C-alpha cells in the first residue's frame, strides 16, 4: 500500500472510531436535569419545549401562583411525563429549588425584578448553566453584579432572547455575513407593540376590556404595569438590540460607546383606562411616568449608529422596526422591503424581501425547520431552548453569554439615566473588561446547533 493511501485510510479509520465514540457518549449521557422557576404564560412556553425533548429531565418547577401551577401540571400530565417536584409557598420558594442536588441548569421566567437574585442564587448554588428571560436586572449595578457572579463561579448565563432566532432576522444575518449589504452603517430596531391588553387584564374580562393591574391584575398585569408607573426609559430593549448586536459583532470586535434617550409625554395608558373603565375608575387617577414613545440613540466603536424605539402604550400594529443599512443597500421589516444597489429589480425601488430571505435562509433554519413546527413565536422559541440545552450537553459556552445579556439589558437603566439628566449622552460600560477586542463571533456559526 502506498504511504499516502495508508495515512489516508488510517486517518479515516481514526475519524470513524472517534465519531462512533462521540455518538456513543451522547447516547450514554444522562438526561440534562433542569429546574424551571416561573410557570406563567412565558414559563409555560419553555415548559412545552422542555417536555418535547428526550434529552431533558424536568426535575422541579416552582411558582407561587396556584392557577399557573395547575396549568403547568396539566401540561406535564398531558405530555405523559413524570410529575417533577412542585415547589410553592412564599416569594422566596425558589430558593428551595436551588437546593436540589444534581441540577444541570435552571430556567428563569419570572417578573424582571427577580431575575438578578435568582441568577446569582443559581450560580452560588453551583448550577453552571442559567437561562433567564429578559431583563437581566433593574439597576446598572444589578448588571455588574450578575456579570461578576458569572465570572466568579465560572457559570454560563444565557438571556433567552428569542428574536435573535427569528427566521427573517437570521436570513439577514446570513446576508450580512456574506457581505450583501456591504459595510454596515446604521441599524434600527425596537419594541413597537401595543401592550395595553397585557398591562390591564384581570383574568376574567376578555383581553382589551380590563383596566386592572397590580394586586387585581392577571399574569403580567400583576407586575409589569407598575414599571410604567414608576419608570421612564426603554424598558424592553432586547428584542430590538439582540439581533442588531449580532449583526455588528457587539462584544466581539465592537462595542457600544454611548447612549442618549428621549421620552414623549405619557397619555396612552390613561386614555385606555378612561375608555374602558370611565373617568371615575380608581386607576384613572394613576400618573404613569413612562413616556408613550421612548427613542434611544447608540454610538458604536466601529462607527455604526443605532436607533431604538420603545412604543407599547398607543394603538398600533406589531413591529420591531428593524432596519439594517450598509454601503450596498438595506433591509426593513416594517414594509418587508429590501434594496441592494445593482441587484434590485429596479433602481431606487424596493424589492419584496421575501424572495431574498428565502434564498438566504439561514442554514440552521433549513436544518431544524421541522422541529420548529408548533413552537412558540413562529418557531423561534425552539432555537433558544435548543441552543441552551445543546450547550449544556457539550459543556461549552452558550451562544449568547452573560456579557451579551448585560450589554443589551443595560440599555434600560442607561436610558432612564439619560432622560433623567435632560437627555444627556451617557457612557456605556464595557462589561467585558476590554476582552471585546479579542473575542470572536460565535452566534449561529456552529454546525452543532
Protein backbone atom coordinates (compact mmCIF):
# COMPACT_ATOMS: atom_id res chain seq x y z
CA UNK A 1 0.00 0.00 0.00
CA UNK A 2 1.30 3.43 -0.87
CA UNK A 3 2.28 5.59 2.09
CA UNK A 4 -0.28 8.33 1.20
CA UNK A 5 -3.08 5.77 0.97
CA UNK A 6 -2.03 4.21 4.27
CA UNK A 7 -2.05 7.58 6.04
CA UNK A 8 -5.37 8.50 4.46
CA UNK A 9 -7.03 5.19 5.38
CA UNK A 10 -5.60 5.29 8.89
CA UNK A 11 -6.92 8.82 9.34
CA UNK A 12 -10.36 7.82 8.06
CA UNK A 13 -10.43 4.87 10.42
CA UNK A 14 -9.43 7.02 13.35
CA UNK A 15 -12.04 9.61 12.47
CA UNK A 16 -14.67 6.88 12.18
CA UNK A 17 -13.77 5.50 15.60
CA UNK A 18 -13.78 8.97 17.13
CA UNK A 19 -17.16 9.76 15.63
CA UNK A 20 -18.58 6.45 16.86
CA UNK A 21 -17.26 7.10 20.37
CA UNK A 22 -18.76 10.61 20.24
CA UNK A 23 -22.17 9.24 19.27
CA UNK A 24 -21.98 6.55 21.95
CA UNK A 25 -21.03 9.15 24.54
CA UNK A 26 -24.03 11.27 23.61
CA UNK A 27 -26.30 8.24 23.86
CA UNK A 28 -24.79 7.22 27.19
CA UNK A 29 -25.00 10.68 28.69
CA UNK A 30 -27.80 11.05 31.24
CA UNK A 31 -30.58 13.48 30.54
CA UNK A 32 -29.98 17.14 31.29
CA UNK A 33 -31.61 17.86 34.65
CA UNK A 34 -33.49 21.16 34.54
CA UNK A 35 -35.41 23.22 37.08
CA UNK A 36 -37.96 25.79 35.94
CA UNK A 37 -38.67 28.87 38.07
CA UNK A 38 -41.84 30.58 36.90
CA UNK A 39 -44.74 28.73 35.25
CA UNK A 40 -46.66 31.75 33.99
CA UNK A 41 -47.57 32.13 30.34
CA UNK A 42 -43.95 32.61 29.23
CA UNK A 43 -42.70 29.87 31.54
CA UNK A 44 -45.26 27.53 30.01
CA UNK A 45 -43.81 28.24 26.56
CA UNK A 46 -40.47 26.97 27.83
CA UNK A 47 -42.13 24.10 29.65
CA UNK A 48 -43.77 22.93 26.44
CA UNK A 49 -40.42 22.83 24.64
CA UNK A 50 -38.66 21.08 27.51
CA UNK A 51 -41.36 18.39 27.60
CA UNK A 52 -40.80 17.70 23.90
CA UNK A 53 -37.14 16.85 24.37
CA UNK A 54 -36.00 13.30 25.06
CA UNK A 55 -32.68 14.61 26.38
CA UNK A 56 -34.20 16.65 29.23
CA UNK A 57 -35.44 15.58 32.64
CA UNK A 58 -37.62 18.21 34.26
CA UNK A 59 -36.66 17.83 37.92
CA UNK A 60 -38.67 20.64 39.52
CA UNK A 61 -41.00 23.52 38.80
CA UNK A 62 -41.61 26.48 41.07
CA UNK A 63 -44.27 29.18 41.25
CA UNK A 64 -46.38 30.93 43.88
CA UNK A 65 -49.41 31.31 41.59
CA UNK A 66 -51.62 28.26 42.07
CA UNK A 67 -53.55 28.97 38.88
CA UNK A 68 -50.36 28.81 36.83
CA UNK A 69 -49.07 25.74 38.64
CA UNK A 70 -52.30 23.88 37.92
CA UNK A 71 -51.97 24.76 34.25
CA UNK A 72 -48.32 23.67 34.16
CA UNK A 73 -49.05 20.36 35.89
CA UNK A 74 -51.80 19.74 33.36
CA UNK A 75 -49.28 20.22 30.53
CA UNK A 76 -46.90 17.72 32.14
CA UNK A 77 -49.63 15.13 32.60
CA UNK A 78 -50.89 15.59 29.05
CA UNK A 79 -47.33 15.06 27.75
CA UNK A 80 -47.19 11.74 29.59
CA UNK A 81 -44.20 12.87 31.64
CA UNK A 82 -43.36 12.08 35.24
CA UNK A 83 -44.51 14.87 37.54
CA UNK A 84 -41.47 16.82 38.77
CA UNK A 85 -41.09 18.17 42.26
CA UNK A 86 -43.54 21.07 42.64
CA UNK A 87 -42.31 23.91 44.83
CA UNK A 88 -44.52 26.75 46.03
CA UNK A 89 -45.02 28.94 49.08
CA UNK A 90 -43.81 32.50 49.66
CA UNK A 91 -41.87 34.71 47.27
CA UNK A 92 -38.62 33.01 48.27
CA UNK A 93 -39.82 29.48 47.49
CA UNK A 94 -37.45 29.43 44.50
CA UNK A 95 -34.53 29.05 46.90
CA UNK A 96 -35.77 25.55 47.72
CA UNK A 97 -35.48 24.60 44.06
CA UNK A 98 -31.85 25.72 44.00
CA UNK A 99 -31.10 23.36 46.91
CA UNK A 100 -31.91 20.31 44.78
CA UNK A 101 -28.74 18.30 44.14
CA UNK A 102 -27.63 17.42 40.64
CA UNK A 103 -29.34 20.18 38.68
CA UNK A 104 -27.52 20.91 35.43
CA UNK A 105 -29.50 24.03 34.61
CA UNK A 106 -32.18 26.44 35.74
CA UNK A 107 -34.53 28.40 33.52
CA UNK A 108 -35.99 31.60 34.96
CA UNK A 109 -39.26 33.07 33.69
CA UNK A 110 -40.37 35.41 36.45
CA UNK A 111 -41.01 39.16 36.84
CA UNK A 112 -37.99 41.30 35.96
CA UNK A 113 -37.07 42.34 39.48
CA UNK A 114 -36.44 38.70 40.45
CA UNK A 115 -34.03 37.84 37.64
CA UNK A 116 -30.86 39.14 39.29
CA UNK A 117 -31.27 37.41 42.68
CA UNK A 118 -32.39 34.18 41.02
CA UNK A 119 -29.50 34.11 38.53
CA UNK A 120 -26.93 34.83 41.23
CA UNK A 121 -28.60 32.38 43.59
CA UNK A 122 -28.36 29.63 40.98
CA UNK A 123 -24.68 30.35 40.35
CA UNK A 124 -23.94 30.38 44.08
CA UNK A 125 -25.69 27.01 44.37
CA UNK A 126 -23.20 25.56 41.88
CA UNK A 127 -25.52 25.42 38.87
CA UNK A 128 -23.33 26.09 35.85
CA UNK A 129 -26.00 26.96 33.27
CA UNK A 130 -28.69 29.56 33.83
CA UNK A 131 -31.19 30.59 31.18
CA UNK A 132 -33.10 33.74 32.00
CA UNK A 133 -35.87 35.62 30.33
CA UNK A 134 -35.22 39.29 29.63
CA UNK A 135 -34.45 41.62 31.51
CA UNK A 136 -31.20 40.86 33.40
CA UNK A 137 -31.68 43.42 36.18
CA UNK A 138 -33.28 46.71 37.17
CA UNK A 139 -30.31 48.94 38.01
CA UNK A 140 -26.94 49.21 36.29
CA UNK A 141 -25.39 47.78 39.46
CA UNK A 142 -27.61 44.71 39.07
CA UNK A 143 -25.99 44.03 35.69
CA UNK A 144 -22.48 44.33 37.08
CA UNK A 145 -23.40 42.02 39.96
CA UNK A 146 -24.60 39.29 37.60
CA UNK A 147 -21.52 39.59 35.36
CA UNK A 148 -19.18 39.35 38.35
CA UNK A 149 -21.09 36.35 39.73
CA UNK A 150 -20.86 34.52 36.41
CA UNK A 151 -17.13 35.19 36.31
CA UNK A 152 -16.56 34.24 39.95
CA UNK A 153 -18.46 30.96 39.70
CA UNK A 154 -17.38 30.14 36.13
CA UNK A 155 -21.02 29.90 35.10
CA UNK A 156 -22.87 30.41 31.84
CA UNK A 157 -25.77 32.89 31.84
CA UNK A 158 -27.80 32.98 28.65
CA UNK A 159 -30.53 35.52 28.06
CA UNK A 160 -33.33 33.67 26.27
CA UNK A 161 -33.79 36.36 23.62
CA UNK A 162 -35.83 34.53 21.02
CA UNK A 163 -35.92 37.30 18.38
CA UNK A 164 -32.25 36.61 17.65
CA UNK A 165 -33.54 33.35 16.14
CA UNK A 166 -36.44 34.79 14.13
CA UNK A 167 -36.29 33.37 10.64
CA UNK A 168 -36.06 36.66 8.71
CA UNK A 169 -33.61 38.05 11.27
CA UNK A 170 -31.31 35.07 10.78
CA UNK A 171 -31.62 35.21 6.99
CA UNK A 172 -30.49 38.84 7.13
CA UNK A 173 -27.64 37.79 9.45
CA UNK A 174 -26.62 35.30 6.77
CA UNK A 175 -26.72 38.08 4.15
CA UNK A 176 -24.73 40.43 6.39
CA UNK A 177 -22.02 37.84 6.88
CA UNK A 178 -21.85 37.23 3.12
CA UNK A 179 -21.36 40.95 2.56
CA UNK A 180 -24.53 41.66 0.59
CA UNK A 181 -25.21 44.91 2.44
CA UNK A 182 -21.58 45.99 2.26
CA UNK A 183 -20.17 47.67 5.35
CA UNK A 184 -22.94 48.29 7.88
CA UNK A 185 -23.54 51.94 8.73
CA UNK A 186 -26.87 52.34 10.54
CA UNK A 187 -29.30 49.99 12.27
CA UNK A 188 -32.74 50.36 13.81
CA UNK A 189 -34.99 48.22 15.94
CA UNK A 190 -37.18 48.33 18.98
CA UNK A 191 -40.27 47.10 20.70
CA UNK A 192 -43.29 48.56 18.95
CA UNK A 193 -46.14 46.51 20.33
CA UNK A 194 -49.48 47.61 21.77
CA UNK A 195 -49.36 46.08 25.25
CA UNK A 196 -52.45 47.71 26.74
CA UNK A 197 -54.20 44.31 26.70
CA UNK A 198 -51.27 42.90 28.69
CA UNK A 199 -50.81 45.78 31.10
CA UNK A 200 -54.51 45.85 32.01
CA UNK A 201 -56.03 42.43 32.50
CA UNK A 202 -57.98 40.97 35.39
CA UNK A 203 -58.03 37.43 34.02
CA UNK A 204 -61.82 37.48 33.76
CA UNK A 205 -62.76 40.01 31.09
CA UNK A 206 -61.59 39.34 27.54
CA UNK A 207 -58.22 40.82 26.63
CA UNK A 208 -58.51 44.52 25.90
CA UNK A 209 -61.56 45.16 28.08
CA UNK A 210 -59.99 45.26 31.54
CA UNK A 211 -58.37 48.16 33.38
CA UNK A 212 -56.95 46.34 36.40
CA UNK A 213 -53.30 45.86 37.26
CA UNK A 214 -51.21 45.19 40.34
CA UNK A 215 -52.89 43.04 43.00
CA UNK A 216 -56.11 42.89 40.96
CA UNK A 217 -54.29 42.07 37.72
CA UNK A 218 -53.72 38.79 35.94
CA UNK A 219 -50.41 37.45 34.61
CA UNK A 220 -48.06 40.28 33.55
CA UNK A 221 -50.58 42.92 34.62
CA UNK A 222 -49.79 41.95 38.21
CA UNK A 223 -46.22 43.30 37.95
CA UNK A 224 -45.29 44.72 34.56
CA UNK A 225 -47.61 47.73 34.60
CA UNK A 226 -46.05 49.09 37.77
CA UNK A 227 -42.83 49.65 35.86
CA UNK A 228 -44.79 52.05 33.65
CA UNK A 229 -46.00 53.88 36.75
CA UNK A 230 -42.59 54.45 38.31
CA UNK A 231 -40.02 54.33 35.47
CA UNK A 232 -39.30 56.25 32.28
CA UNK A 233 -36.92 54.72 29.76
CA UNK A 234 -36.60 51.97 27.20
CA UNK A 235 -37.98 49.23 29.44
CA UNK A 236 -37.72 46.42 26.90
CA UNK A 237 -34.80 46.90 24.55
CA UNK A 238 -33.53 43.38 23.99
CA UNK A 239 -35.90 42.27 21.21
CA UNK A 240 -34.53 45.05 19.04
CA UNK A 241 -30.93 45.24 20.16
CA UNK A 242 -30.20 41.48 20.28
CA UNK A 243 -30.29 40.88 16.52
CA UNK A 244 -28.59 44.23 15.87
CA UNK A 245 -25.75 43.32 18.23
CA UNK A 246 -25.21 40.08 16.34
CA UNK A 247 -25.15 41.93 13.00
CA UNK A 248 -22.31 44.22 14.10
CA UNK A 249 -20.46 41.86 16.47
CA UNK A 250 -21.03 43.71 19.73
CA UNK A 251 -18.71 42.39 22.48
CA UNK A 252 -16.76 40.58 19.74
CA UNK A 253 -14.68 43.16 17.93
CA UNK A 254 -17.10 46.02 18.52
CA UNK A 255 -18.90 47.60 21.46
CA UNK A 256 -21.45 50.22 22.47
CA UNK A 257 -19.78 53.53 23.39
CA UNK A 258 -22.53 55.95 24.41
CA UNK A 259 -26.29 56.33 24.63
CA UNK A 260 -28.81 59.17 24.55
CA UNK A 261 -32.56 58.82 25.13
CA UNK A 262 -35.66 60.97 24.72
CA UNK A 263 -39.18 60.36 26.02
CA UNK A 264 -42.51 61.66 24.78
CA UNK A 265 -45.38 62.61 27.06
CA UNK A 266 -47.48 59.83 28.62
CA UNK A 267 -51.10 59.60 27.51
CA UNK A 268 -51.81 56.11 26.16
CA UNK A 269 -52.37 54.14 29.37
CA UNK A 270 -54.52 56.83 30.98
CA UNK A 271 -56.67 57.12 27.84
CA UNK A 272 -57.15 53.34 27.80
CA UNK A 273 -58.38 53.35 31.40
CA UNK A 274 -60.84 56.16 30.73
CA UNK A 275 -62.18 54.49 27.57
CA UNK A 276 -62.60 51.08 29.21
CA UNK A 277 -63.39 51.95 32.82
CA UNK A 278 -64.56 55.54 32.82
CA UNK A 279 -63.11 58.71 34.30
CA UNK A 280 -64.23 57.72 37.81
CA UNK A 281 -62.36 54.42 37.85
CA UNK A 282 -59.68 54.49 40.60
CA UNK A 283 -56.93 53.75 38.09
CA UNK A 284 -57.86 56.85 36.09
CA UNK A 285 -56.03 58.89 38.75
CA UNK A 286 -52.77 56.94 38.35
CA UNK A 287 -49.91 59.03 36.96
CA UNK A 288 -47.82 56.99 34.54
CA UNK A 289 -44.20 58.05 34.31
CA UNK A 290 -43.31 56.03 31.19
CA UNK A 291 -43.47 58.12 28.02
CA UNK A 292 -45.56 56.60 25.24
CA UNK A 293 -42.61 56.60 22.82
CA UNK A 294 -39.01 56.40 24.06
CA UNK A 295 -36.28 56.91 21.46
CA UNK A 296 -32.68 55.89 22.12
CA UNK A 297 -29.58 56.51 20.03
CA UNK A 298 -26.39 54.48 20.49
CA UNK A 299 -22.91 55.05 19.06
CA UNK A 300 -20.57 52.11 18.48
CA UNK A 301 -16.78 51.74 18.47
CA UNK A 302 -16.70 50.74 14.81
CA UNK A 303 -18.69 53.80 13.78
CA UNK A 304 -22.22 52.42 13.41
CA UNK A 305 -25.22 54.26 14.80
CA UNK A 306 -28.28 52.54 16.28
CA UNK A 307 -31.79 53.89 16.78
CA UNK A 308 -34.14 52.06 19.18
CA UNK A 309 -37.77 52.83 19.96
CA UNK A 310 -39.96 51.59 22.80
CA UNK A 311 -43.64 52.09 21.91
CA UNK A 312 -46.08 49.93 23.86
CA UNK A 313 -48.90 52.16 25.11
CA UNK A 314 -50.54 53.51 21.96
CA UNK A 315 -52.74 51.80 19.36
CA UNK A 316 -50.53 50.33 16.63
CA UNK A 317 -49.81 47.10 14.73
CA UNK A 318 -46.91 45.00 15.98
CA UNK A 319 -43.45 45.70 14.56
CA UNK A 320 -39.91 45.53 15.83
CA UNK A 321 -38.94 48.19 13.29
CA UNK A 322 -35.77 46.55 12.04
CA UNK A 323 -33.57 48.40 9.57
CA UNK A 324 -30.15 47.14 8.51
CA UNK A 325 -28.37 49.61 6.24
CA UNK A 326 -24.95 49.40 4.65
CA UNK A 327 -22.90 50.73 1.79
CA UNK A 328 -24.61 48.36 -0.67
CA UNK A 329 -28.26 48.56 0.43
CA UNK A 330 -30.72 47.93 3.23
CA UNK A 331 -33.50 45.77 4.66
CA UNK A 332 -36.55 46.98 6.56
CA UNK A 333 -39.05 44.62 8.16
CA UNK A 334 -41.93 47.08 8.54
CA UNK A 335 -42.55 47.09 4.77
CA UNK A 336 -40.92 43.72 4.05
CA UNK A 337 -38.63 45.67 1.76
CA UNK A 338 -35.08 45.08 0.64
CA UNK A 339 -32.89 47.09 -1.72
CA UNK A 340 -29.43 46.12 -2.96
CA UNK A 341 -27.75 48.50 -5.36
CA UNK A 342 -27.10 46.88 -8.71
CA UNK A 343 -29.10 43.80 -7.74
CA UNK A 344 -32.60 45.24 -7.23
CA UNK A 345 -35.22 44.72 -9.93
CA UNK A 346 -35.41 48.48 -10.45
CA UNK A 347 -33.08 51.31 -9.37
CA UNK A 348 -34.27 53.23 -6.31
CA UNK A 349 -37.24 50.88 -5.87
CA UNK A 350 -37.93 48.31 -3.14
CA UNK A 351 -37.81 44.60 -3.83
CA UNK A 352 -40.15 42.48 -1.76
CA UNK A 353 -37.81 40.93 0.77
CA UNK A 354 -39.48 37.51 0.78
CA UNK A 355 -37.59 36.00 -2.16
CA UNK A 356 -34.26 37.30 -0.88
CA UNK A 357 -34.90 35.93 2.61
CA UNK A 358 -35.86 32.54 1.17
CA UNK A 359 -32.70 32.46 -0.95
CA UNK A 360 -30.50 33.27 2.04
CA UNK A 361 -32.44 31.27 4.61
CA UNK A 362 -30.03 30.59 7.47
CA UNK A 363 -28.63 27.02 7.47
CA UNK A 364 -29.93 26.45 11.00
CA UNK A 365 -33.50 27.11 9.89
CA UNK A 366 -33.03 24.90 6.86
CA UNK A 367 -31.78 22.14 9.16
CA UNK A 368 -34.28 22.42 12.01
CA UNK A 369 -37.42 23.79 10.36
CA UNK A 370 -39.39 20.58 11.01
CA UNK A 371 -38.56 20.67 14.72
CA UNK A 372 -39.74 24.28 14.99
CA UNK A 373 -43.29 23.35 13.99
CA UNK A 374 -45.66 24.23 16.82
CA UNK A 375 -43.00 26.06 18.83
CA UNK A 376 -43.92 29.50 20.09
CA UNK A 377 -43.45 32.79 18.23
CA UNK A 378 -43.31 31.27 14.78
CA UNK A 379 -40.78 28.61 15.74
CA UNK A 380 -38.02 30.82 17.07
CA UNK A 381 -38.69 29.69 20.65
CA UNK A 382 -37.43 26.24 19.61
CA UNK A 383 -33.98 27.59 18.85
CA UNK A 384 -33.47 29.49 22.08
CA UNK A 385 -34.14 26.38 24.21
CA UNK A 386 -32.37 24.08 21.75
CA UNK A 387 -29.20 26.20 21.81
CA UNK A 388 -29.28 26.37 25.59
CA UNK A 389 -29.71 22.61 26.10
CA UNK A 390 -27.19 21.65 23.42
CA UNK A 391 -24.58 23.93 25.02
CA UNK A 392 -25.08 22.09 28.31
CA UNK A 393 -24.76 18.68 26.65
CA UNK A 394 -21.50 19.70 25.01
CA UNK A 395 -20.22 21.55 28.09
CA UNK A 396 -19.48 24.65 26.06
CA UNK A 397 -20.30 28.34 26.32
CA UNK A 398 -23.82 29.35 25.34
CA UNK A 399 -24.06 31.24 22.02
CA UNK A 400 -25.42 34.28 23.87
CA UNK A 401 -23.50 34.85 27.08
CA UNK A 402 -23.61 36.99 30.22
CA UNK A 403 -21.78 39.88 28.52
CA UNK A 404 -24.42 39.97 25.78
CA UNK A 405 -27.18 39.83 28.37
CA UNK A 406 -25.65 42.68 30.36
CA UNK A 407 -24.94 44.94 27.37
CA UNK A 408 -28.41 44.53 25.88
CA UNK A 409 -30.31 44.82 29.15
CA UNK A 410 -28.25 47.74 30.49
CA UNK A 411 -29.87 49.94 27.86
CA UNK A 412 -32.87 50.21 30.21
CA UNK A 413 -31.18 51.83 33.24
CA UNK A 414 -28.89 53.87 30.98
CA UNK A 415 -31.87 55.27 29.07
CA UNK A 416 -33.57 56.12 32.36
CA UNK A 417 -30.44 57.97 33.45
CA UNK A 418 -30.17 59.86 30.15
CA UNK A 419 -33.79 61.01 30.32
CA UNK A 420 -33.48 61.97 33.97
CA UNK A 421 -30.42 64.10 33.15
CA UNK A 422 -32.32 66.03 30.49
CA UNK A 423 -31.41 63.79 27.55
CA UNK A 424 -27.69 63.85 28.28
CA UNK A 425 -25.42 61.41 26.50
CA UNK A 426 -24.16 58.78 28.94
CA UNK A 427 -21.16 56.49 28.65
CA UNK A 428 -21.84 52.81 28.01
CA UNK A 429 -19.94 50.46 30.33
CA UNK A 430 -17.71 47.73 28.97
CA UNK A 431 -18.84 44.61 30.79
CA UNK A 432 -16.14 42.51 29.11
CA UNK A 433 -13.29 44.44 30.71
CA UNK A 434 -11.58 45.00 27.38
CA UNK A 435 -11.98 41.43 26.14
CA UNK A 436 -14.34 42.59 23.37
CA UNK A 437 -11.20 43.37 21.37
CA UNK A 438 -10.18 39.70 21.32
CA UNK A 439 -13.43 37.73 21.46
CA UNK A 440 -14.67 36.21 18.19
CA UNK A 441 -18.29 35.94 16.94
CA UNK A 442 -19.89 32.60 17.75
CA UNK A 443 -23.64 33.12 17.40
CA UNK A 444 -25.19 30.80 14.78
CA UNK A 445 -21.77 29.79 13.48
CA UNK A 446 -21.59 26.22 14.78
CA UNK A 447 -22.91 23.19 12.88
CA UNK A 448 -23.93 21.55 16.14
CA UNK A 449 -26.92 23.81 16.66
